[in-house]
Amino acid sequence: LSMFGKEKASKMALHLIWAIKPMIER
């Protein structure tokens, strides 16, 4: 039932993906 917790986790997932993917590309 923790919608705000899910939102925080999802946004952190996007943040990590956007930070790490360019390192993979390079």
mmCIF file of all heavy atoms, coordinates in Angstrom:
data_MODEL
# 
_entry.id   MODEL 
# 
loop_
_atom_site.group_PDB 
_atom_site.id 
_atom_site.type_symbol 
_atom_site.label_atom_id 
_atom_site.label_alt_id 
_atom_site.label_comp_id 
_atom_site.label_asym_id 
_atom_site.label_entity_id 
_atom_site.label_seq_id 
_atom_site.pdbx_PDB_ins_code 
_atom_site.Cartn_x 
_atom_site.Cartn_y 
_atom_site.Cartn_z 
_atom_site.occupancy 
_atom_site.B_iso_or_equiv 
_atom_site.pdbx_formal_charge 
_atom_site.auth_seq_id 
_atom_site.auth_comp_id 
_atom_site.auth_asym_id 
_atom_site.auth_atom_id 
_atom_site.pdbx_PDB_model_num 
ATOM 1   N N   . LEU A 1 1  ? 0.808  -1.215 0.000   1.00 0.00 ? 1  LEU A N   1 
ATOM 2   C CA  . LEU A 1 1  ? 0.000  0.000  0.000   1.00 0.00 ? 1  LEU A CA  1 
ATOM 3   C C   . LEU A 1 1  ? 0.841  1.266  0.000   1.00 0.00 ? 1  LEU A C   1 
ATOM 4   O O   . LEU A 1 1  ? 0.305  2.361  0.087   1.00 0.00 ? 1  LEU A O   1 
ATOM 5   C CB  . LEU A 1 1  ? -0.925 -0.001 1.231   1.00 0.00 ? 1  LEU A CB  1 
ATOM 6   C CG  . LEU A 1 1  ? -1.886 -1.193 1.331   1.00 0.00 ? 1  LEU A CG  1 
ATOM 7   C CD1 . LEU A 1 1  ? -2.699 -1.102 2.607   1.00 0.00 ? 1  LEU A CD1 1 
ATOM 8   C CD2 . LEU A 1 1  ? -2.808 -1.246 0.120   1.00 0.00 ? 1  LEU A CD2 1 
ATOM 9   N N   . SER A 1 2  ? 2.138  1.115  -0.092  1.00 0.00 ? 2  SER A N   1 
ATOM 10  C CA  . SER A 1 2  ? 3.026  2.276  -0.024  1.00 0.00 ? 2  SER A CA  1 
ATOM 11  C C   . SER A 1 2  ? 3.273  2.831  -1.428  1.00 0.00 ? 2  SER A C   1 
ATOM 12  O O   . SER A 1 2  ? 4.268  2.523  -2.070  1.00 0.00 ? 2  SER A O   1 
ATOM 13  C CB  . SER A 1 2  ? 4.357  1.890  0.637   1.00 0.00 ? 2  SER A CB  1 
ATOM 14  O OG  . SER A 1 2  ? 5.234  2.981  0.655   1.00 0.00 ? 2  SER A OG  1 
ATOM 15  N N   . MET A 1 3  ? 2.360  3.663  -1.893  1.00 0.00 ? 3  MET A N   1 
ATOM 16  C CA  . MET A 1 3  ? 2.484  4.231  -3.236  1.00 0.00 ? 3  MET A CA  1 
ATOM 17  C C   . MET A 1 3  ? 3.654  5.200  -3.320  1.00 0.00 ? 3  MET A C   1 
ATOM 18  O O   . MET A 1 3  ? 4.379  5.235  -4.318  1.00 0.00 ? 3  MET A O   1 
ATOM 19  C CB  . MET A 1 3  ? 1.183  4.938  -3.634  1.00 0.00 ? 3  MET A CB  1 
ATOM 20  C CG  . MET A 1 3  ? -0.011 4.011  -3.785  1.00 0.00 ? 3  MET A CG  1 
ATOM 21  S SD  . MET A 1 3  ? 0.310  2.669  -4.968  1.00 0.00 ? 3  MET A SD  1 
ATOM 22  C CE  . MET A 1 3  ? 0.530  3.605  -6.479  1.00 0.00 ? 3  MET A CE  1 
ATOM 23  N N   . PHE A 1 4  ? 3.855  5.995  -2.237  1.00 0.00 ? 4  PHE A N   1 
ATOM 24  C CA  . PHE A 1 4  ? 4.957  6.953  -2.274  1.00 0.00 ? 4  PHE A CA  1 
ATOM 25  C C   . PHE A 1 4  ? 6.289  6.220  -2.256  1.00 0.00 ? 4  PHE A C   1 
ATOM 26  O O   . PHE A 1 4  ? 7.237  6.619  -2.921  1.00 0.00 ? 4  PHE A O   1 
ATOM 27  C CB  . PHE A 1 4  ? 4.866  7.914  -1.085  1.00 0.00 ? 4  PHE A CB  1 
ATOM 28  C CG  . PHE A 1 4  ? 5.924  8.984  -1.087  1.00 0.00 ? 4  PHE A CG  1 
ATOM 29  C CD1 . PHE A 1 4  ? 6.012  9.899  -2.126  1.00 0.00 ? 4  PHE A CD1 1 
ATOM 30  C CD2 . PHE A 1 4  ? 6.839  9.067  -0.051  1.00 0.00 ? 4  PHE A CD2 1 
ATOM 31  C CE1 . PHE A 1 4  ? 6.994  10.875 -2.136  1.00 0.00 ? 4  PHE A CE1 1 
ATOM 32  C CE2 . PHE A 1 4  ? 7.821  10.048 -0.057  1.00 0.00 ? 4  PHE A CE2 1 
ATOM 33  C CZ  . PHE A 1 4  ? 7.884  10.954 -1.095  1.00 0.00 ? 4  PHE A CZ  1 
ATOM 34  N N   . GLY A 1 5  ? 6.356  5.115  -1.499  1.00 0.00 ? 5  GLY A N   1 
ATOM 35  C CA  . GLY A 1 5  ? 7.580  4.318  -1.480  1.00 0.00 ? 5  GLY A CA  1 
ATOM 36  C C   . GLY A 1 5  ? 7.880  3.723  -2.842  1.00 0.00 ? 5  GLY A C   1 
ATOM 37  O O   . GLY A 1 5  ? 9.025  3.684  -3.288  1.00 0.00 ? 5  GLY A O   1 
ATOM 38  N N   . LYS A 1 6  ? 6.838  3.251  -3.537  1.00 0.00 ? 6  LYS A N   1 
ATOM 39  C CA  . LYS A 1 6  ? 7.021  2.689  -4.875  1.00 0.00 ? 6  LYS A CA  1 
ATOM 40  C C   . LYS A 1 6  ? 7.507  3.773  -5.838  1.00 0.00 ? 6  LYS A C   1 
ATOM 41  O O   . LYS A 1 6  ? 8.347  3.520  -6.702  1.00 0.00 ? 6  LYS A O   1 
ATOM 42  C CB  . LYS A 1 6  ? 5.713  2.089  -5.382  1.00 0.00 ? 6  LYS A CB  1 
ATOM 43  C CG  . LYS A 1 6  ? 5.311  0.808  -4.686  1.00 0.00 ? 6  LYS A CG  1 
ATOM 44  C CD  . LYS A 1 6  ? 3.994  0.268  -5.246  1.00 0.00 ? 6  LYS A CD  1 
ATOM 45  C CE  . LYS A 1 6  ? 3.596  -1.021 -4.537  1.00 0.00 ? 6  LYS A CE  1 
ATOM 46  N NZ  . LYS A 1 6  ? 2.302  -1.538 -5.035  1.00 0.00 ? 6  LYS A NZ  1 
ATOM 47  N N   . GLU A 1 7  ? 6.949  4.975  -5.671  1.00 0.00 ? 7  GLU A N   1 
ATOM 48  C CA  . GLU A 1 7  ? 7.360  6.085  -6.534  1.00 0.00 ? 7  GLU A CA  1 
ATOM 49  C C   . GLU A 1 7  ? 8.828  6.428  -6.312  1.00 0.00 ? 7  GLU A C   1 
ATOM 50  O O   . GLU A 1 7  ? 9.582  6.632  -7.266  1.00 0.00 ? 7  GLU A O   1 
ATOM 51  C CB  . GLU A 1 7  ? 6.489  7.321  -6.246  1.00 0.00 ? 7  GLU A CB  1 
ATOM 52  C CG  . GLU A 1 7  ? 6.852  8.534  -7.094  1.00 0.00 ? 7  GLU A CG  1 
ATOM 53  C CD  . GLU A 1 7  ? 6.139  9.794  -6.673  1.00 0.00 ? 7  GLU A CD  1 
ATOM 54  O OE1 . GLU A 1 7  ? 5.364  9.739  -5.694  1.00 0.00 ? 7  GLU A OE1 1 
ATOM 55  O OE2 . GLU A 1 7  ? 6.369  10.842 -7.301  1.00 0.00 ? 7  GLU A OE2 1 
ATOM 56  N N   . LYS A 1 8  ? 9.255  6.475  -5.048  1.00 0.00 ? 8  LYS A N   1 
ATOM 57  C CA  . LYS A 1 8  ? 10.661 6.767  -4.746  1.00 0.00 ? 8  LYS A CA  1 
ATOM 58  C C   . LYS A 1 8  ? 11.577 5.695  -5.325  1.00 0.00 ? 8  LYS A C   1 
ATOM 59  O O   . LYS A 1 8  ? 12.615 6.005  -5.918  1.00 0.00 ? 8  LYS A O   1 
ATOM 60  C CB  . LYS A 1 8  ? 10.875 6.871  -3.232  1.00 0.00 ? 8  LYS A CB  1 
ATOM 61  C CG  . LYS A 1 8  ? 10.325 8.124  -2.606  1.00 0.00 ? 8  LYS A CG  1 
ATOM 62  C CD  . LYS A 1 8  ? 10.967 8.414  -1.262  1.00 0.00 ? 8  LYS A CD  1 
ATOM 63  C CE  . LYS A 1 8  ? 10.621 7.362  -0.241  1.00 0.00 ? 8  LYS A CE  1 
ATOM 64  N NZ  . LYS A 1 8  ? 11.162 7.696  1.095   1.00 0.00 ? 8  LYS A NZ  1 
ATOM 65  N N   . ALA A 1 9  ? 11.198 4.428  -5.152  1.00 0.00 ? 9  ALA A N   1 
ATOM 66  C CA  . ALA A 1 9  ? 12.017 3.331  -5.665  1.00 0.00 ? 9  ALA A CA  1 
ATOM 67  C C   . ALA A 1 9  ? 12.098 3.381  -7.186  1.00 0.00 ? 9  ALA A C   1 
ATOM 68  O O   . ALA A 1 9  ? 13.166 3.187  -7.773  1.00 0.00 ? 9  ALA A O   1 
ATOM 69  C CB  . ALA A 1 9  ? 11.453 1.993  -5.205  1.00 0.00 ? 9  ALA A CB  1 
ATOM 70  N N   . SER A 1 10 ? 10.959 3.663  -7.839  1.00 0.00 ? 10 SER A N   1 
ATOM 71  C CA  . SER A 1 10 ? 10.941 3.723  -9.306  1.00 0.00 ? 10 SER A CA  1 
ATOM 72  C C   . SER A 1 10 ? 11.790 4.880  -9.831  1.00 0.00 ? 10 SER A C   1 
ATOM 73  O O   . SER A 1 10 ? 12.523 4.732  -10.814 1.00 0.00 ? 10 SER A O   1 
ATOM 74  C CB  . SER A 1 10 ? 9.497  3.865  -9.818  1.00 0.00 ? 10 SER A CB  1 
ATOM 75  O OG  . SER A 1 10 ? 8.740  2.716  -9.503  1.00 0.00 ? 10 SER A OG  1 
ATOM 76  N N   . LYS A 1 11 ? 11.701 6.032  -9.166  1.00 0.00 ? 11 LYS A N   1 
ATOM 77  C CA  . LYS A 1 11 ? 12.497 7.189  -9.596  1.00 0.00 ? 11 LYS A CA  1 
ATOM 78  C C   . LYS A 1 11 ? 13.989 6.945  -9.359  1.00 0.00 ? 11 LYS A C   1 
ATOM 79  O O   . LYS A 1 11 ? 14.819 7.390  -10.160 1.00 0.00 ? 11 LYS A O   1 
ATOM 80  C CB  . LYS A 1 11 ? 12.024 8.453  -8.881  1.00 0.00 ? 11 LYS A CB  1 
ATOM 81  C CG  . LYS A 1 11 ? 10.671 8.947  -9.382  1.00 0.00 ? 11 LYS A CG  1 
ATOM 82  C CD  . LYS A 1 11 ? 10.318 10.312 -8.823  1.00 0.00 ? 11 LYS A CD  1 
ATOM 83  C CE  . LYS A 1 11 ? 9.031  10.838 -9.438  1.00 0.00 ? 11 LYS A CE  1 
ATOM 84  N NZ  . LYS A 1 11 ? 8.666  12.181 -8.948  1.00 0.00 ? 11 LYS A NZ  1 
ATOM 85  N N   . MET A 1 12 ? 14.319 6.239  -8.274  1.00 0.00 ? 12 MET A N   1 
ATOM 86  C CA  . MET A 1 12 ? 15.720 5.925  -8.031  1.00 0.00 ? 12 MET A CA  1 
ATOM 87  C C   . MET A 1 12 ? 16.225 4.945  -9.092  1.00 0.00 ? 12 MET A C   1 
ATOM 88  O O   . MET A 1 12 ? 17.365 5.051  -9.554  1.00 0.00 ? 12 MET A O   1 
ATOM 89  C CB  . MET A 1 12 ? 15.894 5.333  -6.632  1.00 0.00 ? 12 MET A CB  1 
ATOM 90  C CG  . MET A 1 12 ? 17.331 4.941  -6.300  1.00 0.00 ? 12 MET A CG  1 
ATOM 91  S SD  . MET A 1 12 ? 18.537 6.298  -6.516  1.00 0.00 ? 12 MET A SD  1 
ATOM 92  C CE  . MET A 1 12 ? 17.982 7.451  -5.237  1.00 0.00 ? 12 MET A CE  1 
ATOM 93  N N   . ALA A 1 13 ? 15.367 3.998  -9.494  1.00 0.00 ? 13 ALA A N   1 
ATOM 94  C CA  . ALA A 1 13 ? 15.748 3.058  -10.553 1.00 0.00 ? 13 ALA A CA  1 
ATOM 95  C C   . ALA A 1 13 ? 16.065 3.813  -11.842 1.00 0.00 ? 13 ALA A C   1 
ATOM 96  O O   . ALA A 1 13 ? 17.088 3.557  -12.499 1.00 0.00 ? 13 ALA A O   1 
ATOM 97  C CB  . ALA A 1 13 ? 14.629 2.047  -10.792 1.00 0.00 ? 13 ALA A CB  1 
ATOM 98  N N   . LEU A 1 14 ? 15.217 4.767  -12.214 1.00 0.00 ? 14 LEU A N   1 
ATOM 99  C CA  . LEU A 1 14 ? 15.469 5.566  -13.413 1.00 0.00 ? 14 LEU A CA  1 
ATOM 100 C C   . LEU A 1 14 ? 16.753 6.370  -13.277 1.00 0.00 ? 14 LEU A C   1 
ATOM 101 O O   . LEU A 1 14 ? 17.542 6.475  -14.222 1.00 0.00 ? 14 LEU A O   1 
ATOM 102 C CB  . LEU A 1 14 ? 14.287 6.511  -13.673 1.00 0.00 ? 14 LEU A CB  1 
ATOM 103 C CG  . LEU A 1 14 ? 12.985 5.878  -14.150 1.00 0.00 ? 14 LEU A CG  1 
ATOM 104 C CD1 . LEU A 1 14 ? 11.899 6.937  -14.275 1.00 0.00 ? 14 LEU A CD1 1 
ATOM 105 C CD2 . LEU A 1 14 ? 13.179 5.173  -15.482 1.00 0.00 ? 14 LEU A CD2 1 
ATOM 106 N N   . HIS A 1 15 ? 16.959 6.937  -12.092 1.00 0.00 ? 15 HIS A N   1 
ATOM 107 C CA  . HIS A 1 15 ? 18.169 7.730  -11.844 1.00 0.00 ? 15 HIS A CA  1 
ATOM 108 C C   . HIS A 1 15 ? 19.426 6.882  -12.040 1.00 0.00 ? 15 HIS A C   1 
ATOM 109 O O   . HIS A 1 15 ? 20.392 7.317  -12.680 1.00 0.00 ? 15 HIS A O   1 
ATOM 110 C CB  . HIS A 1 15 ? 18.118 8.294  -10.425 1.00 0.00 ? 15 HIS A CB  1 
ATOM 111 C CG  . HIS A 1 15 ? 19.338 9.033  -10.007 1.00 0.00 ? 15 HIS A CG  1 
ATOM 112 N ND1 . HIS A 1 15 ? 19.683 10.258 -10.540 1.00 0.00 ? 15 HIS A ND1 1 
ATOM 113 C CD2 . HIS A 1 15 ? 20.316 8.723  -9.117  1.00 0.00 ? 15 HIS A CD2 1 
ATOM 114 C CE1 . HIS A 1 15 ? 20.816 10.670 -9.986  1.00 0.00 ? 15 HIS A CE1 1 
ATOM 115 N NE2 . HIS A 1 15 ? 21.218 9.755  -9.131  1.00 0.00 ? 15 HIS A NE2 1 
ATOM 116 N N   . LEU A 1 16 ? 19.417 5.669  -11.503 1.00 0.00 ? 16 LEU A N   1 
ATOM 117 C CA  . LEU A 1 16 ? 20.580 4.789  -11.633 1.00 0.00 ? 16 LEU A CA  1 
ATOM 118 C C   . LEU A 1 16 ? 20.767 4.325  -13.072 1.00 0.00 ? 16 LEU A C   1 
ATOM 119 O O   . LEU A 1 16 ? 21.899 4.253  -13.570 1.00 0.00 ? 16 LEU A O   1 
ATOM 120 C CB  . LEU A 1 16 ? 20.421 3.576  -10.704 1.00 0.00 ? 16 LEU A CB  1 
ATOM 121 C CG  . LEU A 1 16 ? 20.480 3.877  -9.203  1.00 0.00 ? 16 LEU A CG  1 
ATOM 122 C CD1 . LEU A 1 16 ? 20.159 2.626  -8.389  1.00 0.00 ? 16 LEU A CD1 1 
ATOM 123 C CD2 . LEU A 1 16 ? 21.839 4.429  -8.811  1.00 0.00 ? 16 LEU A CD2 1 
ATOM 124 N N   . ILE A 1 17 ? 19.673 4.023  -13.747 1.00 0.00 ? 17 ILE A N   1 
ATOM 125 C CA  . ILE A 1 17 ? 19.756 3.589  -15.148 1.00 0.00 ? 17 ILE A CA  1 
ATOM 126 C C   . ILE A 1 17 ? 20.363 4.696  -16.009 1.00 0.00 ? 17 ILE A C   1 
ATOM 127 O O   . ILE A 1 17 ? 21.268 4.453  -16.821 1.00 0.00 ? 17 ILE A O   1 
ATOM 128 C CB  . ILE A 1 17 ? 18.365 3.183  -15.672 1.00 0.00 ? 17 ILE A CB  1 
ATOM 129 C CG1 . ILE A 1 17 ? 17.930 1.860  -15.024 1.00 0.00 ? 17 ILE A CG1 1 
ATOM 130 C CG2 . ILE A 1 17 ? 18.371 3.030  -17.190 1.00 0.00 ? 17 ILE A CG2 1 
ATOM 131 C CD1 . ILE A 1 17 ? 16.475 1.520  -15.268 1.00 0.00 ? 17 ILE A CD1 1 
ATOM 132 N N   . TRP A 1 18 ? 19.860 5.915  -15.824 1.00 0.00 ? 18 TRP A N   1 
ATOM 133 C CA  . TRP A 1 18 ? 20.366 7.040  -16.632 1.00 0.00 ? 18 TRP A CA  1 
ATOM 134 C C   . TRP A 1 18 ? 21.829 7.347  -16.313 1.00 0.00 ? 18 TRP A C   1 
ATOM 135 O O   . TRP A 1 18 ? 22.557 7.868  -17.157 1.00 0.00 ? 18 TRP A O   1 
ATOM 136 C CB  . TRP A 1 18 ? 19.508 8.287  -16.374 1.00 0.00 ? 18 TRP A CB  1 
ATOM 137 C CG  . TRP A 1 18 ? 18.107 8.147  -16.888 1.00 0.00 ? 18 TRP A CG  1 
ATOM 138 C CD1 . TRP A 1 18 ? 17.651 7.263  -17.839 1.00 0.00 ? 18 TRP A CD1 1 
ATOM 139 C CD2 . TRP A 1 18 ? 16.959 8.889  -16.466 1.00 0.00 ? 18 TRP A CD2 1 
ATOM 140 N NE1 . TRP A 1 18 ? 16.308 7.402  -18.028 1.00 0.00 ? 18 TRP A NE1 1 
ATOM 141 C CE2 . TRP A 1 18 ? 15.845 8.403  -17.213 1.00 0.00 ? 18 TRP A CE2 1 
ATOM 142 C CE3 . TRP A 1 18 ? 16.751 9.905  -15.554 1.00 0.00 ? 18 TRP A CE3 1 
ATOM 143 C CZ2 . TRP A 1 18 ? 14.555 8.918  -17.051 1.00 0.00 ? 18 TRP A CZ2 1 
ATOM 144 C CZ3 . TRP A 1 18 ? 15.470 10.419 -15.388 1.00 0.00 ? 18 TRP A CZ3 1 
ATOM 145 C CH2 . TRP A 1 18 ? 14.396 9.917  -16.141 1.00 0.00 ? 18 TRP A CH2 1 
ATOM 146 N N   . ALA A 1 19 ? 22.274 7.055  -15.087 1.00 0.00 ? 19 ALA A N   1 
ATOM 147 C CA  . ALA A 1 19 ? 23.667 7.314  -14.718 1.00 0.00 ? 19 ALA A CA  1 
ATOM 148 C C   . ALA A 1 19 ? 24.597 6.216  -15.225 1.00 0.00 ? 19 ALA A C   1 
ATOM 149 O O   . ALA A 1 19 ? 25.732 6.483  -15.633 1.00 0.00 ? 19 ALA A O   1 
ATOM 150 C CB  . ALA A 1 19 ? 23.786 7.443  -13.201 1.00 0.00 ? 19 ALA A CB  1 
ATOM 151 N N   . ILE A 1 20 ? 24.128 4.949  -15.222 1.00 0.00 ? 20 ILE A N   1 
ATOM 152 C CA  . ILE A 1 20 ? 25.001 3.823  -15.539 1.00 0.00 ? 20 ILE A CA  1 
ATOM 153 C C   . ILE A 1 20 ? 25.003 3.479  -17.028 1.00 0.00 ? 20 ILE A C   1 
ATOM 154 O O   . ILE A 1 20 ? 26.041 3.076  -17.571 1.00 0.00 ? 20 ILE A O   1 
ATOM 155 C CB  . ILE A 1 20 ? 24.602 2.593  -14.693 1.00 0.00 ? 20 ILE A CB  1 
ATOM 156 C CG1 . ILE A 1 20 ? 24.824 2.898  -13.209 1.00 0.00 ? 20 ILE A CG1 1 
ATOM 157 C CG2 . ILE A 1 20 ? 25.393 1.354  -15.096 1.00 0.00 ? 20 ILE A CG2 1 
ATOM 158 C CD1 . ILE A 1 20 ? 24.330 1.814  -12.274 1.00 0.00 ? 20 ILE A CD1 1 
ATOM 159 N N   . LYS A 1 21 ? 23.877 3.658  -17.718 1.00 0.00 ? 21 LYS A N   1 
ATOM 160 C CA  . LYS A 1 21 ? 23.818 3.297  -19.140 1.00 0.00 ? 21 LYS A CA  1 
ATOM 161 C C   . LYS A 1 21 ? 24.872 4.015  -19.984 1.00 0.00 ? 21 LYS A C   1 
ATOM 162 O O   . LYS A 1 21 ? 25.516 3.388  -20.840 1.00 0.00 ? 21 LYS A O   1 
ATOM 163 C CB  . LYS A 1 21 ? 22.418 3.556  -19.706 1.00 0.00 ? 21 LYS A CB  1 
ATOM 164 C CG  . LYS A 1 21 ? 21.513 2.335  -19.665 1.00 0.00 ? 21 LYS A CG  1 
ATOM 165 C CD  . LYS A 1 21 ? 20.233 2.576  -20.430 1.00 0.00 ? 21 LYS A CD  1 
ATOM 166 C CE  . LYS A 1 21 ? 19.376 1.314  -20.484 1.00 0.00 ? 21 LYS A CE  1 
ATOM 167 N NZ  . LYS A 1 21 ? 18.117 1.555  -21.227 1.00 0.00 ? 21 LYS A NZ  1 
ATOM 168 N N   . PRO A 1 22 ? 25.075 5.327  -19.801 1.00 0.00 ? 22 PRO A N   1 
ATOM 169 C CA  . PRO A 1 22 ? 26.125 5.998  -20.587 1.00 0.00 ? 22 PRO A CA  1 
ATOM 170 C C   . PRO A 1 22 ? 27.513 5.408  -20.328 1.00 0.00 ? 22 PRO A C   1 
ATOM 171 O O   . PRO A 1 22 ? 28.354 5.387  -21.231 1.00 0.00 ? 22 PRO A O   1 
ATOM 172 C CB  . PRO A 1 22 ? 26.045 7.455  -20.103 1.00 0.00 ? 22 PRO A CB  1 
ATOM 173 C CG  . PRO A 1 22 ? 24.649 7.626  -19.621 1.00 0.00 ? 22 PRO A CG  1 
ATOM 174 C CD  . PRO A 1 22 ? 24.290 6.302  -19.007 1.00 0.00 ? 22 PRO A CD  1 
ATOM 175 N N   . MET A 1 23 ? 27.758 4.908  -19.123 1.00 0.00 ? 23 MET A N   1 
ATOM 176 C CA  . MET A 1 23 ? 29.047 4.278  -18.824 1.00 0.00 ? 23 MET A CA  1 
ATOM 177 C C   . MET A 1 23 ? 29.198 2.977  -19.610 1.00 0.00 ? 23 MET A C   1 
ATOM 178 O O   . MET A 1 23 ? 30.300 2.630  -20.042 1.00 0.00 ? 23 MET A O   1 
ATOM 179 C CB  . MET A 1 23 ? 29.159 4.010  -17.318 1.00 0.00 ? 23 MET A CB  1 
ATOM 180 C CG  . MET A 1 23 ? 29.094 5.259  -16.461 1.00 0.00 ? 23 MET A CG  1 
ATOM 181 S SD  . MET A 1 23 ? 28.948 4.905  -14.684 1.00 0.00 ? 23 MET A SD  1 
ATOM 182 C CE  . MET A 1 23 ? 30.548 4.175  -14.362 1.00 0.00 ? 23 MET A CE  1 
ATOM 183 N N   . ILE A 1 24 ? 28.079 2.281  -19.798 1.00 0.00 ? 24 ILE A N   1 
ATOM 184 C CA  . ILE A 1 24 ? 28.113 1.067  -20.623 1.00 0.00 ? 24 ILE A CA  1 
ATOM 185 C C   . ILE A 1 24 ? 28.359 1.433  -22.085 1.00 0.00 ? 24 ILE A C   1 
ATOM 186 O O   . ILE A 1 24 ? 29.172 0.788  -22.765 1.00 0.00 ? 24 ILE A O   1 
ATOM 187 C CB  . ILE A 1 24 ? 26.786 0.285  -20.472 1.00 0.00 ? 24 ILE A CB  1 
ATOM 188 C CG1 . ILE A 1 24 ? 26.638 -0.238 -19.042 1.00 0.00 ? 24 ILE A CG1 1 
ATOM 189 C CG2 . ILE A 1 24 ? 26.718 -0.866 -21.475 1.00 0.00 ? 24 ILE A CG2 1 
ATOM 190 C CD1 . ILE A 1 24 ? 25.308 -0.914 -18.755 1.00 0.00 ? 24 ILE A CD1 1 
ATOM 191 N N   . GLU A 1 25 ? 27.694 2.472  -22.556 1.00 0.00 ? 25 GLU A N   1 
ATOM 192 C CA  . GLU A 1 25 ? 27.852 2.903  -23.947 1.00 0.00 ? 25 GLU A CA  1 
ATOM 193 C C   . GLU A 1 25 ? 29.283 3.336  -24.238 1.00 0.00 ? 25 GLU A C   1 
ATOM 194 O O   . GLU A 1 25 ? 29.813 3.077  -25.320 1.00 0.00 ? 25 GLU A O   1 
ATOM 195 C CB  . GLU A 1 25 ? 26.881 4.041  -24.264 1.00 0.00 ? 25 GLU A CB  1 
ATOM 196 C CG  . GLU A 1 25 ? 25.408 3.652  -24.292 1.00 0.00 ? 25 GLU A CG  1 
ATOM 197 C CD  . GLU A 1 25 ? 25.063 2.734  -25.456 1.00 0.00 ? 25 GLU A CD  1 
ATOM 198 O OE1 . GLU A 1 25 ? 25.868 2.648  -26.407 1.00 0.00 ? 25 GLU A OE1 1 
ATOM 199 O OE2 . GLU A 1 25 ? 24.005 2.088  -25.406 1.00 0.00 ? 25 GLU A OE2 1 
ATOM 200 N N   . ARG A 1 26 ? 29.914 3.992  -23.261 1.00 0.00 ? 26 ARG A N   1 
ATOM 201 C CA  . ARG A 1 26 ? 31.288 4.471  -23.453 1.00 0.00 ? 26 ARG A CA  1 
ATOM 202 C C   . ARG A 1 26 ? 32.310 3.369  -23.178 1.00 0.00 ? 26 ARG A C   1 
ATOM 203 O O   . ARG A 1 26 ? 33.508 3.615  -23.245 1.00 0.00 ? 26 ARG A O   1 
ATOM 204 C CB  . ARG A 1 26 ? 31.560 5.667  -22.541 1.00 0.00 ? 26 ARG A CB  1 
ATOM 205 C CG  . ARG A 1 26 ? 30.734 6.895  -22.850 1.00 0.00 ? 26 ARG A CG  1 
ATOM 206 C CD  . ARG A 1 26 ? 31.254 8.113  -22.105 1.00 0.00 ? 26 ARG A CD  1 
ATOM 207 N NE  . ARG A 1 26 ? 31.175 7.955  -20.660 1.00 0.00 ? 26 ARG A NE  1 
ATOM 208 C CZ  . ARG A 1 26 ? 30.171 8.396  -19.912 1.00 0.00 ? 26 ARG A CZ  1 
ATOM 209 N NH1 . ARG A 1 26 ? 29.144 9.014  -20.500 1.00 0.00 ? 26 ARG A NH1 1 
ATOM 210 N NH2 . ARG A 1 26 ? 30.172 8.234  -18.600 1.00 0.00 ? 26 ARG A NH2 1 
# 
